[in-house]
Amino acid sequence: MEIKIQQVETSKIDSIDFNNLSFGKVFTDHMLVCSYSNGEWESPEIIPYGPMTFEPSARVFHYGQAVFEGMKAYKDDQGDIFLFRPDESIKRLNISSERMAIPALPEEIFNEGLKKLLKIDTAWIKKGEGNSLYIRPFVIATEPAISASPSNDYKFIVICSPAQSYYAGEVRVVVADKFSRAASGGVGYAKAAGNYASQFYPTNLVQNEGYQQIIWTDANTHEYMEEAGTMNIFFRIGDKLITAPISDRILDGITRKSIIQLAKDSGIEVEVRGIKVSELKEAAKQGELKEIFGSGTAAVVNPIKGFKHKDFEYEIPEIASTYASFFKEKLINIQYNNSEDTYGWRVKI
């Protein structure tokens, strides 16, 4: 595939303090850009990272046709670069695009363009556990028109940001009983930009109360727990691992499905089913609730220390051996090429 490349004259990498990175605020020298017009995707380009020009009437600004993905690239001690399950990322990007009436992106553009981009900006991917390159592919509607209809023009863009181990601090959550993340028949299963914008206000409210995130519940009854913040969520009751099934309200998380597979292969009983708030509270009262943790690309696995639902508050007791640390270690070892990958999840660039 022909990819036009325009490289920067001088890299800005020497001006970056890689020991003090704020997540998602520093970007590499280059980005991948591919336009869609006249009913087809054009040849992709790699150009210097920088501002882009769009007309104020671009449809993305008015009707929110925008989807994205989140991925990471890792570099092992030998300097080889790896991605984690990139096939799942392009698949999910196109599932999200379909729901938002955006044309599917050819896998060749995604795979070959990303591979070339990572090789050009390879110096930005640092060795060592915890270091990675966060990758943000996204598609936006760019046609200059404000009639309420799908765009005829789009841009697929990939930007990259060097990252360190993501640590959110101690996380305590509020179980939602009013606001909802997604409704049946909606776009909750898609990584649509608006899904995340709508979470900011209720999340700000709970943060003002001293909590960090929300466990979202179903929009109809607020009885069943579905996701936590921007993560899929797992509950350990006794020695059993429980997580909600994916649906048109719940994102099909790549880390989530990897944890489920690892749990099954490690002899841990897994139940993929709806779990009620009342069941969680009863398990806490009986001392059977051992862990709650979220899963996602940025943090991999993020333990939750406690939760509140209405007047009920519960602090999860610390235990010596947690499922959260077990799964995180397993996944990190695969991602950084520190252990055998029997699943074929690790893809060398």
Protein backbone atom coordinates (compact mmCIF):
# COMPACT_ATOMS: atom_id res chain seq x y z
CA MET A 1 0.00 0.00 0.00
CA GLU A 2 1.30 3.43 -0.95
CA ILE A 3 1.62 5.72 2.06
CA LYS A 4 2.90 9.23 1.42
CA ILE A 5 5.32 10.28 4.18
CA GLN A 6 6.30 13.80 5.17
CA GLN A 7 8.73 13.66 8.09
CA VAL A 8 9.56 16.47 10.48
CA GLU A 9 12.87 18.24 9.91
CA THR A 10 13.75 18.17 13.61
CA SER A 11 12.19 15.89 16.22
CA LYS A 12 10.89 17.47 19.44
CA ILE A 13 11.67 14.30 21.42
CA ASP A 14 14.72 15.80 23.16
CA SER A 15 12.50 18.43 24.79
CA ILE A 16 10.27 15.82 26.45
CA ASP A 17 10.77 14.71 30.06
CA PHE A 18 9.82 11.05 29.83
CA ASN A 19 10.05 10.66 33.61
CA ASN A 20 7.24 13.15 34.20
CA LEU A 21 4.53 12.55 31.63
CA SER A 22 0.92 13.63 32.09
CA PHE A 23 -1.31 11.06 30.42
CA GLY A 24 -2.45 12.13 26.95
CA LYS A 25 -0.87 15.59 26.87
CA VAL A 26 2.36 14.98 24.94
CA PHE A 27 2.26 13.75 21.34
CA THR A 28 4.80 12.22 18.99
CA ASP A 29 6.28 13.88 15.90
CA HIS A 30 3.90 12.37 13.35
CA MET A 31 0.29 11.38 12.75
CA LEU A 32 -1.52 9.24 10.21
CA VAL A 33 -4.27 10.90 8.17
CA CYS A 34 -6.62 9.37 5.61
CA SER A 35 -9.55 11.14 3.93
CA TYR A 36 -12.86 9.74 2.70
CA SER A 37 -14.60 11.51 -0.19
CA ASN A 38 -16.57 10.62 -3.31
CA GLY A 39 -17.57 7.32 -1.73
CA GLU A 40 -14.10 5.91 -1.05
CA TRP A 41 -11.13 6.07 1.28
CA GLU A 42 -8.10 7.72 -0.29
CA SER A 43 -4.42 6.84 0.17
CA PRO A 44 -3.23 7.49 3.72
CA GLU A 45 -0.49 9.96 4.60
CA ILE A 46 1.91 10.33 7.50
CA ILE A 47 2.52 14.00 8.27
CA PRO A 48 3.99 16.05 11.13
CA TYR A 49 1.70 16.23 14.17
CA GLY A 50 0.07 19.64 14.29
CA PRO A 51 -3.10 21.70 13.93
CA MET A 52 -5.57 20.87 11.20
CA THR A 53 -8.05 23.14 9.44
CA PHE A 54 -11.79 22.39 9.28
CA GLU A 55 -14.67 24.62 8.33
CA PRO A 56 -16.94 25.73 11.19
CA SER A 57 -19.77 23.92 9.42
CA ALA A 58 -17.99 20.53 9.54
CA ARG A 59 -20.68 18.08 10.56
CA VAL A 60 -18.70 16.63 13.48
CA PHE A 61 -19.15 19.93 15.35
CA HIS A 62 -22.93 19.86 14.97
CA TYR A 63 -24.09 16.26 14.92
CA GLY A 64 -21.31 14.41 16.71
CA GLN A 65 -20.30 11.88 14.07
CA ALA A 66 -17.07 10.84 15.80
CA VAL A 67 -15.73 7.48 16.96
CA PHE A 68 -12.38 6.44 18.38
CA GLU A 69 -10.27 3.58 19.69
CA GLY A 70 -7.63 3.22 22.40
CA MET A 71 -4.55 1.02 21.97
CA LYS A 72 -0.98 0.77 23.21
CA ALA A 73 2.36 -0.16 21.66
CA TYR A 74 5.06 -1.76 23.84
CA LYS A 75 8.79 -2.19 23.37
CA ASP A 76 10.62 -5.17 24.87
CA ASP A 77 14.22 -5.31 26.12
CA GLN A 78 15.45 -6.19 22.62
CA GLY A 79 13.80 -3.12 21.11
CA ASP A 80 11.01 -4.98 19.31
CA ILE A 81 7.60 -3.28 19.15
CA PHE A 82 4.36 -5.09 19.93
CA LEU A 83 0.64 -4.32 19.80
CA PHE A 84 -1.98 -6.08 21.92
CA ARG A 85 -4.89 -7.58 19.96
CA PRO A 86 -4.98 -4.92 17.20
CA ASP A 87 -7.44 -7.05 15.20
CA GLU A 88 -10.01 -6.43 17.91
CA SER A 89 -9.42 -2.67 17.75
CA ILE A 90 -10.07 -2.30 14.02
CA LYS A 91 -13.07 -4.60 14.31
CA ARG A 92 -14.55 -2.50 17.11
CA LEU A 93 -13.74 0.78 15.32
CA ASN A 94 -15.82 -0.37 12.37
CA ILE A 95 -18.64 -1.61 14.62
CA SER A 96 -18.70 1.85 16.21
CA SER A 97 -18.56 3.50 12.78
CA GLU A 98 -21.49 1.47 11.50
CA ARG A 99 -23.65 2.60 14.44
CA MET A 100 -22.76 6.23 13.72
CA ALA A 101 -23.38 5.91 9.95
CA ILE A 102 -19.67 6.30 9.18
CA PRO A 103 -18.20 4.23 6.31
CA ALA A 104 -16.06 1.26 7.36
CA LEU A 105 -12.31 1.76 7.23
CA PRO A 106 -10.38 -0.86 5.24
CA GLU A 107 -8.28 -2.99 7.57
CA GLU A 108 -5.25 -2.54 5.29
CA ILE A 109 -5.25 1.23 5.88
CA PHE A 110 -5.50 0.71 9.63
CA ASN A 111 -2.87 -2.02 9.88
CA GLU A 112 -0.30 -0.81 7.36
CA GLY A 113 -0.67 2.84 8.28
CA LEU A 114 -0.27 2.14 11.98
CA LYS A 115 2.73 -0.12 11.40
CA LYS A 116 4.49 2.55 9.34
CA LEU A 117 3.66 5.29 11.87
CA LEU A 118 5.07 3.27 14.78
CA LYS A 119 8.28 2.54 12.90
CA ILE A 120 8.81 6.23 12.11
CA ASP A 121 8.16 7.28 15.72
CA THR A 122 9.83 4.24 17.28
CA ALA A 123 12.11 6.40 19.48
CA TRP A 124 9.00 7.59 21.34
CA ILE A 125 8.29 4.04 22.54
CA LYS A 126 10.47 3.54 25.59
CA LYS A 127 11.62 0.20 26.96
CA GLY A 128 10.75 -0.92 30.45
CA GLU A 129 7.62 -2.14 32.17
CA GLY A 130 5.14 0.68 32.59
CA ASN A 131 6.36 2.58 29.54
CA SER A 132 4.21 2.44 26.43
CA LEU A 133 2.89 4.49 23.55
CA TYR A 134 -0.82 5.21 23.79
CA ILE A 135 -2.43 5.15 20.34
CA ARG A 136 -5.62 7.05 19.54
CA PRO A 137 -7.22 6.19 16.16
CA PHE A 138 -10.39 8.16 15.44
CA VAL A 139 -12.79 9.09 12.63
CA ILE A 140 -14.62 12.40 12.34
CA ALA A 141 -17.17 13.83 9.89
CA THR A 142 -15.66 16.75 7.96
CA GLU A 143 -18.17 17.72 5.27
CA PRO A 144 -18.99 21.45 5.54
CA ALA A 145 -22.77 21.24 5.82
CA ILE A 146 -25.23 21.69 8.69
CA SER A 147 -28.25 19.80 7.36
CA ALA A 148 -29.14 16.98 9.75
CA SER A 149 -27.86 14.02 7.76
CA PRO A 150 -24.74 11.83 7.65
CA SER A 151 -21.58 13.39 6.28
CA ASN A 152 -20.22 12.59 2.84
CA ASP A 153 -16.64 13.36 3.91
CA TYR A 154 -14.58 11.95 6.81
CA LYS A 155 -11.04 11.83 8.13
CA PHE A 156 -9.39 8.88 9.82
CA ILE A 157 -6.54 10.06 12.03
CA VAL A 158 -4.09 8.33 14.36
CA ILE A 159 -2.18 10.29 16.99
CA CYS A 160 0.18 8.81 19.58
CA SER A 161 1.15 9.84 23.09
CA PRO A 162 3.98 8.37 25.21
CA ALA A 163 2.68 7.03 28.51
CA GLN A 164 3.90 5.71 31.83
CA SER A 165 2.13 3.34 34.21
CA TYR A 166 -1.37 4.69 34.71
CA TYR A 167 -2.18 5.07 38.39
CA ALA A 168 -5.47 6.69 39.32
CA GLY A 169 -4.83 6.62 43.06
CA GLU A 170 -7.30 5.03 45.44
CA VAL A 171 -10.64 4.81 43.67
CA ARG A 172 -13.99 4.84 45.43
CA VAL A 173 -17.21 4.90 43.46
CA VAL A 174 -20.85 5.85 43.68
CA VAL A 175 -23.38 3.40 42.26
CA ALA A 176 -25.70 5.41 40.01
CA ASP A 177 -29.37 5.64 40.92
CA LYS A 178 -30.35 8.56 38.69
CA PHE A 179 -28.01 9.24 35.77
CA SER A 180 -27.33 6.66 33.05
CA ARG A 181 -24.42 6.08 30.72
CA ALA A 182 -26.44 4.39 27.96
CA ALA A 183 -29.93 3.09 27.16
CA SER A 184 -31.14 0.04 25.28
CA GLY A 185 -31.19 0.70 21.56
CA GLY A 186 -28.65 3.49 21.94
CA VAL A 187 -24.93 3.75 21.25
CA GLY A 188 -23.47 2.47 24.52
CA TYR A 189 -21.64 -0.40 22.81
CA ALA A 190 -19.89 2.01 20.39
CA LYS A 191 -16.85 4.10 21.22
CA ALA A 192 -18.71 7.21 20.16
CA ALA A 193 -17.31 10.51 21.40
CA GLY A 194 -20.65 11.65 22.84
CA ASN A 195 -20.80 8.66 25.19
CA TYR A 196 -17.89 10.10 27.11
CA ALA A 197 -19.02 13.73 27.06
CA SER A 198 -22.31 12.78 28.72
CA GLN A 199 -20.46 11.16 31.64
CA PHE A 200 -18.53 14.25 32.67
CA TYR A 201 -21.34 16.08 34.47
CA PRO A 202 -22.51 13.25 36.77
CA THR A 203 -18.88 12.27 37.38
CA ASN A 204 -18.13 15.84 38.45
CA LEU A 205 -21.00 15.63 40.94
CA VAL A 206 -19.64 12.52 42.67
CA GLN A 207 -16.10 13.91 42.64
CA ASN A 208 -17.41 16.91 44.56
CA GLU A 209 -18.54 14.41 47.20
CA GLY A 210 -15.04 12.93 47.45
CA TYR A 211 -15.54 9.93 45.15
CA GLN A 212 -13.63 9.31 41.93
CA GLN A 213 -15.99 7.45 39.60
CA ILE A 214 -19.47 6.08 39.00
CA ILE A 215 -20.67 2.52 38.58
CA TRP A 216 -23.28 2.94 35.88
CA THR A 217 -26.54 1.05 36.21
CA ASP A 218 -29.18 0.13 33.63
CA ALA A 219 -31.26 3.08 32.49
CA ASN A 220 -34.65 1.35 32.94
CA THR A 221 -34.50 0.27 36.59
CA HIS A 222 -31.06 1.24 37.97
CA GLU A 223 -30.99 -2.25 39.48
CA TYR A 224 -28.18 -3.84 37.42
CA MET A 225 -24.57 -2.67 37.36
CA GLU A 226 -22.95 -2.33 33.95
CA GLU A 227 -19.71 -0.32 33.75
CA ALA A 228 -17.48 1.81 35.99
CA GLY A 229 -16.53 5.22 34.63
CA THR A 230 -14.98 4.43 31.25
CA MET A 231 -14.09 0.86 32.21
CA ASN A 232 -15.71 -2.55 32.18
CA ILE A 233 -16.21 -3.81 35.71
CA PHE A 234 -15.63 -7.08 37.59
CA PHE A 235 -16.83 -8.24 41.01
CA ARG A 236 -15.26 -11.00 43.10
CA ILE A 237 -17.81 -12.55 45.41
CA GLY A 238 -16.18 -15.35 47.37
CA ASP A 239 -13.84 -16.87 44.79
CA LYS A 240 -16.23 -16.31 41.91
CA LEU A 241 -15.63 -13.60 39.29
CA ILE A 242 -18.72 -11.88 37.94
CA THR A 243 -19.05 -9.35 35.13
CA ALA A 244 -22.00 -7.99 33.17
CA PRO A 245 -22.65 -9.41 29.69
CA ILE A 246 -22.00 -7.12 26.74
CA SER A 247 -25.11 -5.61 25.17
CA ASP A 248 -26.07 -2.56 23.15
CA ARG A 249 -25.41 -0.60 26.37
CA ILE A 250 -22.01 -2.04 27.29
CA LEU A 251 -18.69 -1.72 25.47
CA ASP A 252 -17.08 -4.97 24.33
CA GLY A 253 -13.81 -4.25 26.11
CA ILE A 254 -10.65 -5.93 24.76
CA THR A 255 -9.08 -6.07 28.23
CA ARG A 256 -12.38 -7.40 29.59
CA LYS A 257 -12.54 -10.34 27.17
CA SER A 258 -8.85 -11.08 27.79
CA ILE A 259 -9.43 -11.25 31.57
CA ILE A 260 -12.39 -13.59 31.10
CA GLN A 261 -10.23 -15.93 29.00
CA LEU A 262 -7.34 -15.81 31.47
CA ALA A 263 -9.70 -16.52 34.37
CA LYS A 264 -11.21 -19.56 32.69
CA ASP A 265 -7.78 -20.94 31.81
CA SER A 266 -6.55 -20.34 35.37
CA GLY A 267 -9.36 -22.34 36.96
CA ILE A 268 -11.22 -19.28 38.28
CA GLU A 269 -14.99 -19.60 38.08
CA VAL A 270 -16.42 -16.83 35.89
CA GLU A 271 -20.05 -15.82 35.57
CA VAL A 272 -21.01 -13.44 32.78
CA ARG A 273 -24.43 -12.29 33.90
CA GLY A 274 -26.40 -9.37 35.20
CA ILE A 275 -25.56 -8.47 38.78
CA LYS A 276 -27.95 -6.40 40.86
CA VAL A 277 -26.97 -3.61 43.21
CA SER A 278 -28.93 -5.45 45.91
CA GLU A 279 -26.77 -8.56 45.38
CA LEU A 280 -23.59 -6.51 45.73
CA LYS A 281 -24.80 -4.88 48.94
CA GLU A 282 -25.85 -8.22 50.41
CA ALA A 283 -22.47 -9.76 49.56
CA ALA A 284 -20.78 -6.82 51.29
CA LYS A 285 -22.95 -7.25 54.41
CA GLN A 286 -22.12 -10.97 54.51
CA GLY A 287 -18.38 -10.33 54.09
CA GLU A 288 -18.35 -12.18 50.75
CA LEU A 289 -17.43 -9.21 48.55
CA LYS A 290 -13.67 -9.56 48.11
CA GLU A 291 -12.89 -7.26 45.19
CA ILE A 292 -14.22 -4.81 42.63
CA PHE A 293 -11.99 -3.75 39.76
CA GLY A 294 -12.29 -2.03 36.41
CA SER A 295 -10.51 -3.01 33.20
CA GLY A 296 -9.44 -0.95 30.22
CA THR A 297 -6.55 -0.02 27.95
CA ALA A 298 -5.12 2.86 29.98
CA ALA A 299 -4.96 1.29 33.45
CA VAL A 300 -5.23 -2.40 32.37
CA VAL A 301 -6.76 -3.28 35.76
CA ASN A 302 -7.83 -0.69 38.33
CA PRO A 303 -8.87 -1.85 41.84
CA ILE A 304 -11.81 -0.10 43.52
CA LYS A 305 -11.45 0.42 47.27
CA GLY A 306 -15.06 1.10 48.22
CA PHE A 307 -18.52 2.07 47.02
CA LYS A 308 -21.59 4.02 48.03
CA HIS A 309 -25.20 3.48 47.02
CA LYS A 310 -27.69 5.92 48.46
CA ASP A 311 -27.11 5.72 52.29
CA PHE A 312 -25.07 2.48 52.08
CA GLU A 313 -21.30 2.79 52.17
CA TYR A 314 -18.78 -0.05 52.13
CA GLU A 315 -15.00 -0.17 52.29
CA ILE A 316 -13.55 -3.33 50.76
CA PRO A 317 -11.12 -5.06 53.17
CA GLU A 318 -7.58 -5.58 51.92
CA ILE A 319 -6.61 -9.16 51.11
CA ALA A 320 -3.20 -10.68 50.50
CA SER A 321 -3.76 -12.18 47.05
CA THR A 322 -6.07 -10.36 44.65
CA TYR A 323 -7.49 -11.31 41.29
CA ALA A 324 -6.82 -7.73 40.14
CA SER A 325 -3.05 -8.01 40.64
CA PHE A 326 -3.03 -11.56 39.20
CA PHE A 327 -4.71 -10.52 35.94
CA LYS A 328 -2.72 -7.32 35.62
CA GLU A 329 0.56 -9.21 35.93
CA LYS A 330 -0.56 -11.83 33.40
CA LEU A 331 -1.61 -9.21 30.85
CA ILE A 332 1.46 -7.01 31.29
CA ASN A 333 3.78 -9.99 30.85
CA ILE A 334 2.09 -10.82 27.54
CA GLN A 335 2.08 -7.19 26.37
CA TYR A 336 5.78 -6.62 27.13
CA ASN A 337 6.91 -9.95 25.68
CA ASN A 338 7.97 -11.21 29.12
CA SER A 339 6.02 -14.46 28.92
CA GLU A 340 4.72 -16.90 26.36
CA ASP A 341 1.63 -15.77 24.49
CA THR A 342 -0.39 -18.92 23.86
CA TYR A 343 -3.35 -16.88 22.56
CA GLY A 344 -1.70 -15.00 19.72
CA TRP A 345 -2.72 -11.66 21.28
CA ARG A 346 0.72 -10.08 20.96
CA VAL A 347 1.48 -8.81 17.45
CA LYS A 348 5.02 -7.82 16.50
CA ILE A 349 5.46 -4.74 14.33
